Amino acid sequence: MEKKYFLIIIALFLMTTVMGCNTMKGAGKDVEQAGQDLQKAADKENETK
């Protein structure tokens, strides 16, 4: 019985870890895109001067 609970806890931990990694990966892509957009805006501003 204890082994069953241990396996359930390990499975929940692994699922949480995988979901967290996917969330951080998505957030990293969003931040990267925002940085690229900011760089493009700065480049346009420098071209007009």
PDB file of N, CA and C in Angstrom:
ATOM      1  N   MET A   1       0.823  -1.195   0.000  1.00  0.00           N
ATOM      2  CA  MET A   1       0.000   0.000   0.000  1.00  0.00           C
ATOM      3  C   MET A   1       0.870   1.265   0.000  1.00  0.00           C
ATOM      4  N   GLU A   2       1.938   1.257   0.810  1.00  0.00           N
ATOM      5  CA  GLU A   2       2.828   2.415   0.854  1.00  0.00           C
ATOM      6  C   GLU A   2       3.516   2.619  -0.492  1.00  0.00           C
ATOM      7  N   LYS A   3       3.835   1.527  -1.157  1.00  0.00           N
ATOM      8  CA  LYS A   3       4.504   1.610  -2.456  1.00  0.00           C
ATOM      9  C   LYS A   3       3.597   2.293  -3.479  1.00  0.00           C
ATOM     10  N   LYS A   4       2.294   2.008  -3.402  1.00  0.00           N
ATOM     11  CA  LYS A   4       1.327   2.607  -4.320  1.00  0.00           C
ATOM     12  C   LYS A   4       1.280   4.126  -4.134  1.00  0.00           C
ATOM     13  N   TYR A   5       1.235   4.581  -2.884  1.00  0.00           N
ATOM     14  CA  TYR A   5       1.211   6.008  -2.612  1.00  0.00           C
ATOM     15  C   TYR A   5       2.514   6.679  -3.047  1.00  0.00           C
ATOM     16  N   PHE A   6       3.608   6.011  -2.834  1.00  0.00           N
ATOM     17  CA  PHE A   6       4.900   6.543  -3.245  1.00  0.00           C
ATOM     18  C   PHE A   6       4.939   6.735  -4.761  1.00  0.00           C
ATOM     19  N   LEU A   7       4.450   5.747  -5.505  1.00  0.00           N
ATOM     20  CA  LEU A   7       4.436   5.849  -6.968  1.00  0.00           C
ATOM     21  C   LEU A   7       3.513   6.966  -7.444  1.00  0.00           C
ATOM     22  N   ILE A   8       2.394   7.132  -6.776  1.00  0.00           N
ATOM     23  CA  ILE A   8       1.467   8.222  -7.140  1.00  0.00           C
ATOM     24  C   ILE A   8       2.124   9.574  -6.899  1.00  0.00           C
ATOM     25  N   ILE A   9       2.803   9.713  -5.782  1.00  0.00           N
ATOM     26  CA  ILE A   9       3.481  10.979  -5.480  1.00  0.00           C
ATOM     27  C   ILE A   9       4.585  11.263  -6.502  1.00  0.00           C
ATOM     28  N   ILE A  10       5.354  10.256  -6.855  1.00  0.00           N
ATOM     29  CA  ILE A  10       6.414  10.429  -7.851  1.00  0.00           C
ATOM     30  C   ILE A  10       5.816  10.816  -9.208  1.00  0.00           C
ATOM     31  N   ALA A  11       4.717  10.160  -9.599  1.00  0.00           N
ATOM     32  CA  ALA A  11       4.070  10.471 -10.875  1.00  0.00           C
ATOM     33  C   ALA A  11       3.569  11.914 -10.889  1.00  0.00           C
ATOM     34  N   LEU A  12       2.950  12.370  -9.805  1.00  0.00           N
ATOM     35  CA  LEU A  12       2.475  13.756  -9.730  1.00  0.00           C
ATOM     36  C   LEU A  12       3.631  14.744  -9.790  1.00  0.00           C
ATOM     37  N   PHE A  13       4.721  14.422  -9.117  1.00  0.00           N
ATOM     38  CA  PHE A  13       5.895  15.288  -9.141  1.00  0.00           C
ATOM     39  C   PHE A  13       6.453  15.411 -10.560  1.00  0.00           C
ATOM     40  N   LEU A  14       6.557  14.287 -11.257  1.00  0.00           N
ATOM     41  CA  LEU A  14       7.091  14.316 -12.621  1.00  0.00           C
ATOM     42  C   LEU A  14       6.178  15.088 -13.566  1.00  0.00           C
ATOM     43  N   MET A  15       4.868  14.913 -13.413  1.00  0.00           N
ATOM     44  CA  MET A  15       3.927  15.644 -14.275  1.00  0.00           C
ATOM     45  C   MET A  15       4.042  17.144 -14.035  1.00  0.00           C
ATOM     46  N   THR A  16       4.161  17.536 -12.780  1.00  0.00           N
ATOM     47  CA  THR A  16       4.296  18.954 -12.439  1.00  0.00           C
ATOM     48  C   THR A  16       5.591  19.526 -13.013  1.00  0.00           C
ATOM     49  N   THR A  17       6.650  18.765 -12.929  1.00  0.00           N
ATOM     50  CA  THR A  17       7.944  19.212 -13.451  1.00  0.00           C
ATOM     51  C   THR A  17       7.879  19.412 -14.958  1.00  0.00           C
ATOM     52  N   VAL A  18       7.283  18.479 -15.670  1.00  0.00           N
ATOM     53  CA  VAL A  18       7.183  18.586 -17.128  1.00  0.00           C
ATOM     54  C   VAL A  18       6.319  19.769 -17.517  1.00  0.00           C
ATOM     55  N   MET A  19       5.202  19.958 -16.833  1.00  0.00           N
ATOM     56  CA  MET A  19       4.326  21.093 -17.151  1.00  0.00           C
ATOM     57  C   MET A  19       5.041  22.409 -16.880  1.00  0.00           C
ATOM     58  N   GLY A  20       5.817  22.472 -15.813  1.00  0.00           N
ATOM     59  CA  GLY A  20       6.559  23.686 -15.486  1.00  0.00           C
ATOM     60  C   GLY A  20       7.595  24.015 -16.547  1.00  0.00           C
ATOM     61  N   CYS A  21       8.262  22.999 -17.072  1.00  0.00           N
ATOM     62  CA  CYS A  21       9.264  23.219 -18.117  1.00  0.00           C
ATOM     63  C   CYS A  21       8.609  23.770 -19.373  1.00  0.00           C
ATOM     64  N   ASN A  22       7.479  23.227 -19.750  1.00  0.00           N
ATOM     65  CA  ASN A  22       6.788  23.712 -20.941  1.00  0.00           C
ATOM     66  C   ASN A  22       6.332  25.151 -20.752  1.00  0.00           C
ATOM     67  N   THR A  23       5.882  25.492 -19.552  1.00  0.00           N
ATOM     68  CA  THR A  23       5.442  26.853 -19.278  1.00  0.00           C
ATOM     69  C   THR A  23       6.620  27.815 -19.367  1.00  0.00           C
ATOM     70  N   MET A  24       7.754  27.456 -18.792  1.00  0.00           N
ATOM     71  CA  MET A  24       8.928  28.325 -18.836  1.00  0.00           C
ATOM     72  C   MET A  24       9.453  28.472 -20.253  1.00  0.00           C
ATOM     73  N   LYS A  25       9.378  27.403 -21.028  1.00  0.00           N
ATOM     74  CA  LYS A  25       9.820  27.477 -22.420  1.00  0.00           C
ATOM     75  C   LYS A  25       8.956  28.468 -23.190  1.00  0.00           C
ATOM     76  N   GLY A  26       7.652  28.411 -22.975  1.00  0.00           N
ATOM     77  CA  GLY A  26       6.729  29.339 -23.632  1.00  0.00           C
ATOM     78  C   GLY A  26       6.982  30.776 -23.199  1.00  0.00           C
ATOM     79  N   ALA A  27       7.230  30.967 -21.915  1.00  0.00           N
ATOM     80  CA  ALA A  27       7.512  32.310 -21.409  1.00  0.00           C
ATOM     81  C   ALA A  27       8.806  32.837 -22.001  1.00  0.00           C
ATOM     82  N   GLY A  28       9.797  31.974 -22.144  1.00  0.00           N
ATOM     83  CA  GLY A  28      11.066  32.382 -22.749  1.00  0.00           C
ATOM     84  C   GLY A  28      10.878  32.830 -24.186  1.00  0.00           C
ATOM     85  N   LYS A  29      10.033  32.129 -24.926  1.00  0.00           N
ATOM     86  CA  LYS A  29       9.764  32.521 -26.316  1.00  0.00           C
ATOM     87  C   LYS A  29       9.065  33.872 -26.364  1.00  0.00           C
ATOM     88  N   ASP A  30       8.126  34.123 -25.434  1.00  0.00           N
ATOM     89  CA  ASP A  30       7.427  35.407 -25.393  1.00  0.00           C
ATOM     90  C   ASP A  30       8.391  36.544 -25.106  1.00  0.00           C
ATOM     91  N   VAL A  31       9.286  36.334 -24.154  1.00  0.00           N
ATOM     92  CA  VAL A  31      10.259  37.372 -23.811  1.00  0.00           C
ATOM     93  C   VAL A  31      11.207  37.609 -24.980  1.00  0.00           C
ATOM     94  N   GLU A  32      11.609  36.547 -25.646  1.00  0.00           N
ATOM     95  CA  GLU A  32      12.502  36.684 -26.796  1.00  0.00           C
ATOM     96  C   GLU A  32      11.823  37.479 -27.915  1.00  0.00           C
ATOM     97  N   GLN A  33      10.550  37.198 -28.175  1.00  0.00           N
ATOM     98  CA  GLN A  33       9.817  37.924 -29.218  1.00  0.00           C
ATOM     99  C   GLN A  33       9.669  39.398 -28.860  1.00  0.00           C
ATOM    100  N   ALA A  34       9.401  39.680 -27.593  1.00  0.00           N
ATOM    101  CA  ALA A  34       9.284  41.070 -27.155  1.00  0.00           C
ATOM    102  C   ALA A  34      10.609  41.798 -27.346  1.00  0.00           C
ATOM    103  N   GLY A  35      11.712  41.144 -27.055  1.00  0.00           N
ATOM    104  CA  GLY A  35      13.027  41.746 -27.249  1.00  0.00           C
ATOM    105  C   GLY A  35      13.308  42.036 -28.721  1.00  0.00           C
ATOM    106  N   GLN A  36      12.915  41.113 -29.580  1.00  0.00           N
ATOM    107  CA  GLN A  36      13.115  41.313 -31.016  1.00  0.00           C
ATOM    108  C   GLN A  36      12.276  42.483 -31.517  1.00  0.00           C
ATOM    109  N   ASP A  37      11.033  42.579 -31.038  1.00  0.00           N
ATOM    110  CA  ASP A  37      10.173  43.698 -31.435  1.00  0.00           C
ATOM    111  C   ASP A  37      10.742  45.024 -30.960  1.00  0.00           C
ATOM    112  N   LEU A  38      11.270  45.040 -29.754  1.00  0.00           N
ATOM    113  CA  LEU A  38      11.886  46.251 -29.218  1.00  0.00           C
ATOM    114  C   LEU A  38      13.105  46.642 -30.040  1.00  0.00           C
ATOM    115  N   GLN A  39      13.899  45.664 -30.430  1.00  0.00           N
ATOM    116  CA  GLN A  39      15.083  45.927 -31.250  1.00  0.00           C
ATOM    117  C   GLN A  39      14.683  46.502 -32.610  1.00  0.00           C
ATOM    118  N   LYS A  40      13.637  45.952 -33.215  1.00  0.00           N
ATOM    119  CA  LYS A  40      13.162  46.461 -34.510  1.00  0.00           C
ATOM    120  C   LYS A  40      12.697  47.910 -34.385  1.00  0.00           C
ATOM    121  N   ALA A  41      11.982  48.209 -33.298  1.00  0.00           N
ATOM    122  CA  ALA A  41      11.506  49.578 -33.094  1.00  0.00           C
ATOM    123  C   ALA A  41      12.684  50.534 -32.908  1.00  0.00           C
ATOM    124  N   ALA A  42      13.691  50.101 -32.186  1.00  0.00           N
ATOM    125  CA  ALA A  42      14.874  50.945 -31.979  1.00  0.00           C
ATOM    126  C   ALA A  42      15.623  51.151 -33.291  1.00  0.00           C
ATOM    127  N   ASP A  43      15.720  50.113 -34.104  1.00  0.00           N
ATOM    128  CA  ASP A  43      16.390  50.240 -35.400  1.00  0.00           C
ATOM    129  C   ASP A  43      15.646  51.214 -36.305  1.00  0.00           C
ATOM    130  N   LYS A  44      14.327  51.145 -36.318  1.00  0.00           N
ATOM    131  CA  LYS A  44      13.527  52.077 -37.139  1.00  0.00           C
ATOM    132  C   LYS A  44      13.738  53.517 -36.676  1.00  0.00           C
ATOM    133  N   GLU A  45      13.777  53.708 -35.359  1.00  0.00           N
ATOM    134  CA  GLU A  45      13.967  55.044 -34.804  1.00  0.00           C
ATOM    135  C   GLU A  45      15.335  55.594 -35.193  1.00  0.00           C
ATOM    136  N   ASN A  46      16.357  54.761 -35.195  1.00  0.00           N
ATOM    137  CA  ASN A  46      17.704  55.202 -35.562  1.00  0.00           C
ATOM    138  C   ASN A  46      17.803  55.503 -37.047  1.00  0.00           C
ATOM    139  N   GLU A  47      17.028  54.809 -37.871  1.00  0.00           N
ATOM    140  CA  GLU A  47      17.059  55.051 -39.322  1.00  0.00           C
ATOM    141  C   GLU A  47      16.465  56.405 -39.679  1.00  0.00           C
ATOM    142  N   THR A  48      15.496  56.864 -38.896  1.00  0.00           N
ATOM    143  CA  THR A  48      14.828  58.125 -39.221  1.00  0.00           C
ATOM    144  C   THR A  48      15.650  59.338 -38.777  1.00  0.00           C
ATOM    145  N   LYS A  49      16.662  59.144 -37.977  1.00  0.00           N
ATOM    146  CA  LYS A  49      17.473  60.283 -37.496  1.00  0.00           C
ATOM    147  C   LYS A  49      18.626  60.545 -38.402  1.00  0.00           C
TER     148      LYS A  49
END
